[in-house]
Amino acid sequence: MPADPQRSVTSEPPRGAGTSAVEVRRSPRRRKSVSAYREGDRTIVLIPARMSEAEERRWVGVMLDKLAAQERRSVLGDRELTERALHLSEQYFGGRARPGSVRWVTNQNTRWGSCTPSEGSIRLSHRLQGMPEYVVDYVLLHELAHLLVPGHGPRFWRLLEAYPRTERARGYLEGVVAAGRLPHLPEAREE
């Protein structure tokens, strides 16, 4: 069966691109514009159908660089993360959750975040960096809720009901976890 002429084969990105795969989608309706976005750990690049393979390679590189630059600008530092947590606490919990510290950590590879209520410290996994803002906000709120209610009982989940994107963020994170469990196909060998 012939391949879909509107979609290129998913390939490994250029070294240092920061994602695991790039998928190029060609559109006959697209005339000049090129755009790109992240979808989980994949980057989707949209190009005009008439574009040559050389132009496609060039534009994929340009768009990967552009996305990486945007993501570097959008990553919050620890100070901004603390300010964001205080703002979210005020907005959703009436300011009752007051963290002593909020910071990114690189040693949490199986959790998105953790909280030590006795110290008021919240730690978020570096793996959240570059994810949509509503996902980071959800994880912050989840950990802030632990400053008010230990465990994951009904009182805890009632607190999180105040955040309108709770289910969407949880679904996003579940999708990231599921994608990480998918088997990776061996790379095709070029001869």
C-alpha atoms as a PDB file:
ATOM      1  CA  MET A   1       0.000   0.000   0.000  1.00  0.00           C
ATOM      2  CA  PRO A   2       1.495   3.418  -0.904  1.00  0.00           C
ATOM      3  CA  ALA A   3       2.412   5.826   1.871  1.00  0.00           C
ATOM      4  CA  ASP A   4       0.212   8.851   2.533  1.00  0.00           C
ATOM      5  CA  PRO A   5       1.627  11.552   0.227  1.00  0.00           C
ATOM      6  CA  GLN A   6       0.598  14.256   2.694  1.00  0.00           C
ATOM      7  CA  ARG A   7       2.669  12.919   5.570  1.00  0.00           C
ATOM      8  CA  SER A   8       6.390  12.265   5.728  1.00  0.00           C
ATOM      9  CA  VAL A   9       7.793   9.371   7.663  1.00  0.00           C
ATOM     10  CA  THR A  10       8.504  10.216  11.271  1.00  0.00           C
ATOM     11  CA  SER A  11      12.233  10.519  11.785  1.00  0.00           C
ATOM     12  CA  GLU A  12      14.771  11.106  14.475  1.00  0.00           C
ATOM     13  CA  PRO A  13      15.452  14.831  14.925  1.00  0.00           C
ATOM     14  CA  PRO A  14      18.822  16.461  14.343  1.00  0.00           C
ATOM     15  CA  ARG A  15      21.245  16.139  17.259  1.00  0.00           C
ATOM     16  CA  GLY A  16      20.359  18.463  20.146  1.00  0.00           C
ATOM     17  CA  ALA A  17      16.805  19.104  18.981  1.00  0.00           C
ATOM     18  CA  GLY A  18      15.395  18.106  22.384  1.00  0.00           C
ATOM     19  CA  THR A  19      12.614  15.813  21.183  1.00  0.00           C
ATOM     20  CA  SER A  20      12.495  12.156  20.273  1.00  0.00           C
ATOM     21  CA  ALA A  21      10.803  12.376  16.869  1.00  0.00           C
ATOM     22  CA  VAL A  22       9.803  14.793  14.130  1.00  0.00           C
ATOM     23  CA  GLU A  23       6.756  14.290  11.937  1.00  0.00           C
ATOM     24  CA  VAL A  24       6.396  16.418   8.818  1.00  0.00           C
ATOM     25  CA  ARG A  25       2.881  16.923   7.485  1.00  0.00           C
ATOM     26  CA  ARG A  26       2.448  18.294   3.969  1.00  0.00           C
ATOM     27  CA  SER A  27      -0.671  20.221   3.030  1.00  0.00           C
ATOM     28  CA  PRO A  28      -1.810  21.140  -0.493  1.00  0.00           C
ATOM     29  CA  ARG A  29      -3.761  24.069   1.002  1.00  0.00           C
ATOM     30  CA  ARG A  30      -0.668  25.530   2.643  1.00  0.00           C
ATOM     31  CA  ARG A  31       1.067  27.858   0.154  1.00  0.00           C
ATOM     32  CA  LYS A  32       3.999  29.562   1.892  1.00  0.00           C
ATOM     33  CA  SER A  33       3.761  29.247   5.639  1.00  0.00           C
ATOM     34  CA  VAL A  34       5.570  26.712   7.777  1.00  0.00           C
ATOM     35  CA  SER A  35       4.593  26.066  11.379  1.00  0.00           C
ATOM     36  CA  ALA A  36       5.512  23.637  14.125  1.00  0.00           C
ATOM     37  CA  TYR A  37       4.311  22.541  17.525  1.00  0.00           C
ATOM     38  CA  ARG A  38       5.067  19.928  20.169  1.00  0.00           C
ATOM     39  CA  GLU A  39       2.737  16.992  20.683  1.00  0.00           C
ATOM     40  CA  GLY A  40       4.008  15.052  23.689  1.00  0.00           C
ATOM     41  CA  ASP A  41       7.617  14.115  22.890  1.00  0.00           C
ATOM     42  CA  ARG A  42       7.046  14.542  19.148  1.00  0.00           C
ATOM     43  CA  THR A  43       7.408  17.677  17.049  1.00  0.00           C
ATOM     44  CA  ILE A  44       4.911  18.207  14.229  1.00  0.00           C
ATOM     45  CA  VAL A  45       6.096  20.429  11.352  1.00  0.00           C
ATOM     46  CA  LEU A  46       3.469  21.625   8.860  1.00  0.00           C
ATOM     47  CA  ILE A  47       4.742  22.556   5.373  1.00  0.00           C
ATOM     48  CA  PRO A  48       3.357  23.195   1.866  1.00  0.00           C
ATOM     49  CA  ALA A  49       2.975  19.975  -0.186  1.00  0.00           C
ATOM     50  CA  ARG A  50       5.051  21.384  -3.057  1.00  0.00           C
ATOM     51  CA  MET A  51       8.173  21.878  -0.925  1.00  0.00           C
ATOM     52  CA  SER A  52      11.300  19.933  -1.986  1.00  0.00           C
ATOM     53  CA  GLU A  53      13.041  17.494   0.363  1.00  0.00           C
ATOM     54  CA  ALA A  54      15.966  19.901   0.754  1.00  0.00           C
ATOM     55  CA  GLU A  55      13.607  22.737   1.695  1.00  0.00           C
ATOM     56  CA  GLU A  56      11.821  20.390   4.095  1.00  0.00           C
ATOM     57  CA  ARG A  57      15.113  19.516   5.848  1.00  0.00           C
ATOM     58  CA  ARG A  58      16.060  23.184   6.090  1.00  0.00           C
ATOM     59  CA  TRP A  59      12.655  24.215   7.464  1.00  0.00           C
ATOM     60  CA  VAL A  60      12.565  21.359   9.982  1.00  0.00           C
ATOM     61  CA  GLY A  61      15.900  22.617  11.379  1.00  0.00           C
ATOM     62  CA  VAL A  62      14.675  26.225  11.466  1.00  0.00           C
ATOM     63  CA  MET A  63      11.440  25.275  13.234  1.00  0.00           C
ATOM     64  CA  LEU A  64      13.181  23.018  15.779  1.00  0.00           C
ATOM     65  CA  ASP A  65      15.531  25.892  16.636  1.00  0.00           C
ATOM     66  CA  LYS A  66      12.581  28.286  16.930  1.00  0.00           C
ATOM     67  CA  LEU A  67      10.627  25.961  19.235  1.00  0.00           C
ATOM     68  CA  ALA A  68      13.687  25.343  21.408  1.00  0.00           C
ATOM     69  CA  ALA A  69      14.240  29.108  21.768  1.00  0.00           C
ATOM     70  CA  GLN A  70      10.594  29.621  22.749  1.00  0.00           C
ATOM     71  CA  GLU A  71      10.809  26.841  25.309  1.00  0.00           C
ATOM     72  CA  ARG A  72      14.004  28.247  26.841  1.00  0.00           C
ATOM     73  CA  ARG A  73      12.248  31.584  27.289  1.00  0.00           C
ATOM     74  CA  SER A  74       9.149  29.963  28.776  1.00  0.00           C
ATOM     75  CA  VAL A  75      10.917  27.895  31.470  1.00  0.00           C
ATOM     76  CA  LEU A  76      10.359  29.460  34.863  1.00  0.00           C
ATOM     77  CA  GLY A  77      13.275  29.826  37.258  1.00  0.00           C
ATOM     78  CA  ASP A  78      12.873  28.823  40.919  1.00  0.00           C
ATOM     79  CA  ARG A  79      11.961  32.391  41.948  1.00  0.00           C
ATOM     80  CA  GLU A  80       9.265  32.637  39.256  1.00  0.00           C
ATOM     81  CA  LEU A  81       8.064  29.158  40.184  1.00  0.00           C
ATOM     82  CA  THR A  82       7.618  30.279  43.819  1.00  0.00           C
ATOM     83  CA  GLU A  83       5.759  33.410  42.669  1.00  0.00           C
ATOM     84  CA  ARG A  84       3.536  31.257  40.435  1.00  0.00           C
ATOM     85  CA  ALA A  85       2.778  28.913  43.352  1.00  0.00           C
ATOM     86  CA  LEU A  86       1.817  31.843  45.603  1.00  0.00           C
ATOM     87  CA  HIS A  87      -0.426  33.265  42.880  1.00  0.00           C
ATOM     88  CA  LEU A  88      -2.137  29.881  42.350  1.00  0.00           C
ATOM     89  CA  SER A  89      -2.590  29.425  46.103  1.00  0.00           C
ATOM     90  CA  GLU A  90      -4.263  32.828  46.290  1.00  0.00           C
ATOM     91  CA  GLN A  91      -6.446  32.183  43.256  1.00  0.00           C
ATOM     92  CA  TYR A  92      -7.626  28.652  44.079  1.00  0.00           C
ATOM     93  CA  PHE A  93      -7.052  28.133  47.811  1.00  0.00           C
ATOM     94  CA  GLY A  94      -7.602  31.637  49.197  1.00  0.00           C
ATOM     95  CA  GLY A  95      -3.874  31.940  49.946  1.00  0.00           C
ATOM     96  CA  ARG A  96      -4.027  29.199  52.610  1.00  0.00           C
ATOM     97  CA  ALA A  97      -1.229  27.083  51.058  1.00  0.00           C
ATOM     98  CA  ARG A  98       2.024  28.955  51.799  1.00  0.00           C
ATOM     99  CA  PRO A  99       5.097  27.088  50.519  1.00  0.00           C
ATOM    100  CA  GLY A 100       8.444  27.784  52.147  1.00  0.00           C
ATOM    101  CA  SER A 101      10.267  26.902  48.925  1.00  0.00           C
ATOM    102  CA  VAL A 102       9.412  25.796  45.411  1.00  0.00           C
ATOM    103  CA  ARG A 103      12.122  24.566  43.064  1.00  0.00           C
ATOM    104  CA  TRP A 104      12.950  22.405  40.072  1.00  0.00           C
ATOM    105  CA  VAL A 105      14.842  19.163  40.736  1.00  0.00           C
ATOM    106  CA  THR A 106      16.493  16.647  38.433  1.00  0.00           C
ATOM    107  CA  ASN A 107      16.277  13.593  40.696  1.00  0.00           C
ATOM    108  CA  GLN A 108      12.547  12.889  40.231  1.00  0.00           C
ATOM    109  CA  ASN A 109      12.176  10.611  37.263  1.00  0.00           C
ATOM    110  CA  THR A 110       9.094   8.705  38.388  1.00  0.00           C
ATOM    111  CA  ARG A 111       7.156  11.579  39.992  1.00  0.00           C
ATOM    112  CA  TRP A 112       6.042  14.916  38.595  1.00  0.00           C
ATOM    113  CA  GLY A 113       6.342  16.644  41.940  1.00  0.00           C
ATOM    114  CA  SER A 114       6.709  16.125  45.653  1.00  0.00           C
ATOM    115  CA  CYS A 115       5.940  18.021  48.814  1.00  0.00           C
ATOM    116  CA  THR A 116       7.249  17.936  52.378  1.00  0.00           C
ATOM    117  CA  PRO A 117       4.455  19.623  54.378  1.00  0.00           C
ATOM    118  CA  SER A 118       6.494  19.854  57.598  1.00  0.00           C
ATOM    119  CA  GLU A 119       9.063  22.020  55.753  1.00  0.00           C
ATOM    120  CA  GLY A 120       6.641  23.617  53.318  1.00  0.00           C
ATOM    121  CA  SER A 121       8.913  22.594  50.457  1.00  0.00           C
ATOM    122  CA  ILE A 122       7.685  21.725  46.982  1.00  0.00           C
ATOM    123  CA  ARG A 123       9.858  20.156  44.306  1.00  0.00           C
ATOM    124  CA  LEU A 124       8.863  19.790  40.640  1.00  0.00           C
ATOM    125  CA  SER A 125      10.531  17.391  38.242  1.00  0.00           C
ATOM    126  CA  HIS A 126      12.597  19.027  35.512  1.00  0.00           C
ATOM    127  CA  ARG A 127      10.663  16.793  33.080  1.00  0.00           C
ATOM    128  CA  LEU A 128       7.761  19.291  33.376  1.00  0.00           C
ATOM    129  CA  GLN A 129       9.858  22.062  31.849  1.00  0.00           C
ATOM    130  CA  GLY A 130       8.563  22.860  28.395  1.00  0.00           C
ATOM    131  CA  MET A 131       5.175  21.265  29.045  1.00  0.00           C
ATOM    132  CA  PRO A 132       2.084  23.474  28.687  1.00  0.00           C
ATOM    133  CA  GLU A 133       1.596  26.039  31.441  1.00  0.00           C
ATOM    134  CA  TYR A 134      -1.716  24.511  32.564  1.00  0.00           C
ATOM    135  CA  VAL A 135       0.082  21.198  33.239  1.00  0.00           C
ATOM    136  CA  VAL A 136       2.788  22.842  35.375  1.00  0.00           C
ATOM    137  CA  ASP A 137       0.054  24.820  37.180  1.00  0.00           C
ATOM    138  CA  TYR A 138      -1.848  21.603  37.910  1.00  0.00           C
ATOM    139  CA  VAL A 139       1.254  19.919  39.405  1.00  0.00           C
ATOM    140  CA  LEU A 140       1.949  23.037  41.488  1.00  0.00           C
ATOM    141  CA  LEU A 141      -1.650  23.053  42.736  1.00  0.00           C
ATOM    142  CA  HIS A 142      -1.466  19.323  43.472  1.00  0.00           C
ATOM    143  CA  GLU A 143       1.593  19.874  45.660  1.00  0.00           C
ATOM    144  CA  LEU A 144       0.120  23.041  47.237  1.00  0.00           C
ATOM    145  CA  ALA A 145      -2.963  21.008  48.160  1.00  0.00           C
ATOM    146  CA  HIS A 146      -0.670  18.652  50.097  1.00  0.00           C
ATOM    147  CA  LEU A 147       0.314  21.590  52.314  1.00  0.00           C
ATOM    148  CA  LEU A 148      -3.356  21.694  53.355  1.00  0.00           C
ATOM    149  CA  VAL A 149      -4.378  18.021  53.183  1.00  0.00           C
ATOM    150  CA  PRO A 150      -2.000  15.051  53.445  1.00  0.00           C
ATOM    151  CA  GLY A 151      -2.722  12.032  51.266  1.00  0.00           C
ATOM    152  CA  HIS A 152      -5.083  11.710  48.326  1.00  0.00           C
ATOM    153  CA  GLY A 153      -8.439  11.357  50.055  1.00  0.00           C
ATOM    154  CA  PRO A 154     -11.745  12.985  49.099  1.00  0.00           C
ATOM    155  CA  ARG A 155     -10.872  16.314  50.828  1.00  0.00           C
ATOM    156  CA  PHE A 156      -7.695  16.540  48.767  1.00  0.00           C
ATOM    157  CA  TRP A 157      -9.478  15.956  45.438  1.00  0.00           C
ATOM    158  CA  ARG A 158     -12.223  18.442  46.381  1.00  0.00           C
ATOM    159  CA  LEU A 159      -9.535  21.109  46.682  1.00  0.00           C
ATOM    160  CA  LEU A 160      -8.284  20.362  43.174  1.00  0.00           C
ATOM    161  CA  GLU A 161     -11.802  20.555  41.718  1.00  0.00           C
ATOM    162  CA  ALA A 162     -11.417  24.345  41.920  1.00  0.00           C
ATOM    163  CA  TYR A 163      -8.849  24.214  39.083  1.00  0.00           C
ATOM    164  CA  PRO A 164     -10.838  23.914  35.821  1.00  0.00           C
ATOM    165  CA  ARG A 165      -8.065  22.110  33.930  1.00  0.00           C
ATOM    166  CA  THR A 166      -7.399  19.345  36.443  1.00  0.00           C
ATOM    167  CA  GLU A 167      -8.735  16.506  34.272  1.00  0.00           C
ATOM    168  CA  ARG A 168      -7.099  17.841  31.118  1.00  0.00           C
ATOM    169  CA  ALA A 169      -3.710  18.164  32.836  1.00  0.00           C
ATOM    170  CA  ARG A 170      -3.983  14.698  34.366  1.00  0.00           C
ATOM    171  CA  GLY A 171      -4.844  13.297  30.944  1.00  0.00           C
ATOM    172  CA  TYR A 172      -1.835  15.040  29.414  1.00  0.00           C
ATOM    173  CA  LEU A 173       0.507  13.605  32.047  1.00  0.00           C
ATOM    174  CA  GLU A 174      -1.006  10.126  31.668  1.00  0.00           C
ATOM    175  CA  GLY A 175      -0.411  10.391  27.918  1.00  0.00           C
ATOM    176  CA  VAL A 176       3.242  11.326  28.457  1.00  0.00           C
ATOM    177  CA  VAL A 177       3.690   8.316  30.751  1.00  0.00           C
ATOM    178  CA  ALA A 178       1.927   5.993  28.287  1.00  0.00           C
ATOM    179  CA  ALA A 179       4.022   7.274  25.371  1.00  0.00           C
ATOM    180  CA  GLY A 180       7.164   6.537  27.362  1.00  0.00           C
ATOM    181  CA  ARG A 181       6.085   2.901  27.679  1.00  0.00           C
ATOM    182  CA  LEU A 182       5.528   2.376  23.951  1.00  0.00           C
ATOM    183  CA  PRO A 183       8.077   0.190  22.219  1.00  0.00           C
ATOM    184  CA  HIS A 184      10.581   2.119  20.160  1.00  0.00           C
ATOM    185  CA  LEU A 185      11.070   0.744  16.671  1.00  0.00           C
ATOM    186  CA  PRO A 186      14.648   0.154  15.583  1.00  0.00           C
ATOM    187  CA  GLU A 187      16.008   2.821  13.245  1.00  0.00           C
ATOM    188  CA  ALA A 188      15.969   1.984   9.539  1.00  0.00           C
ATOM    189  CA  ARG A 189      19.445   1.425   8.180  1.00  0.00           C
ATOM    190  CA  GLU A 190      20.474   3.429   5.176  1.00  0.00           C
ATOM    191  CA  GLU A 191      22.519   1.550   2.616  1.00  0.00           C
END
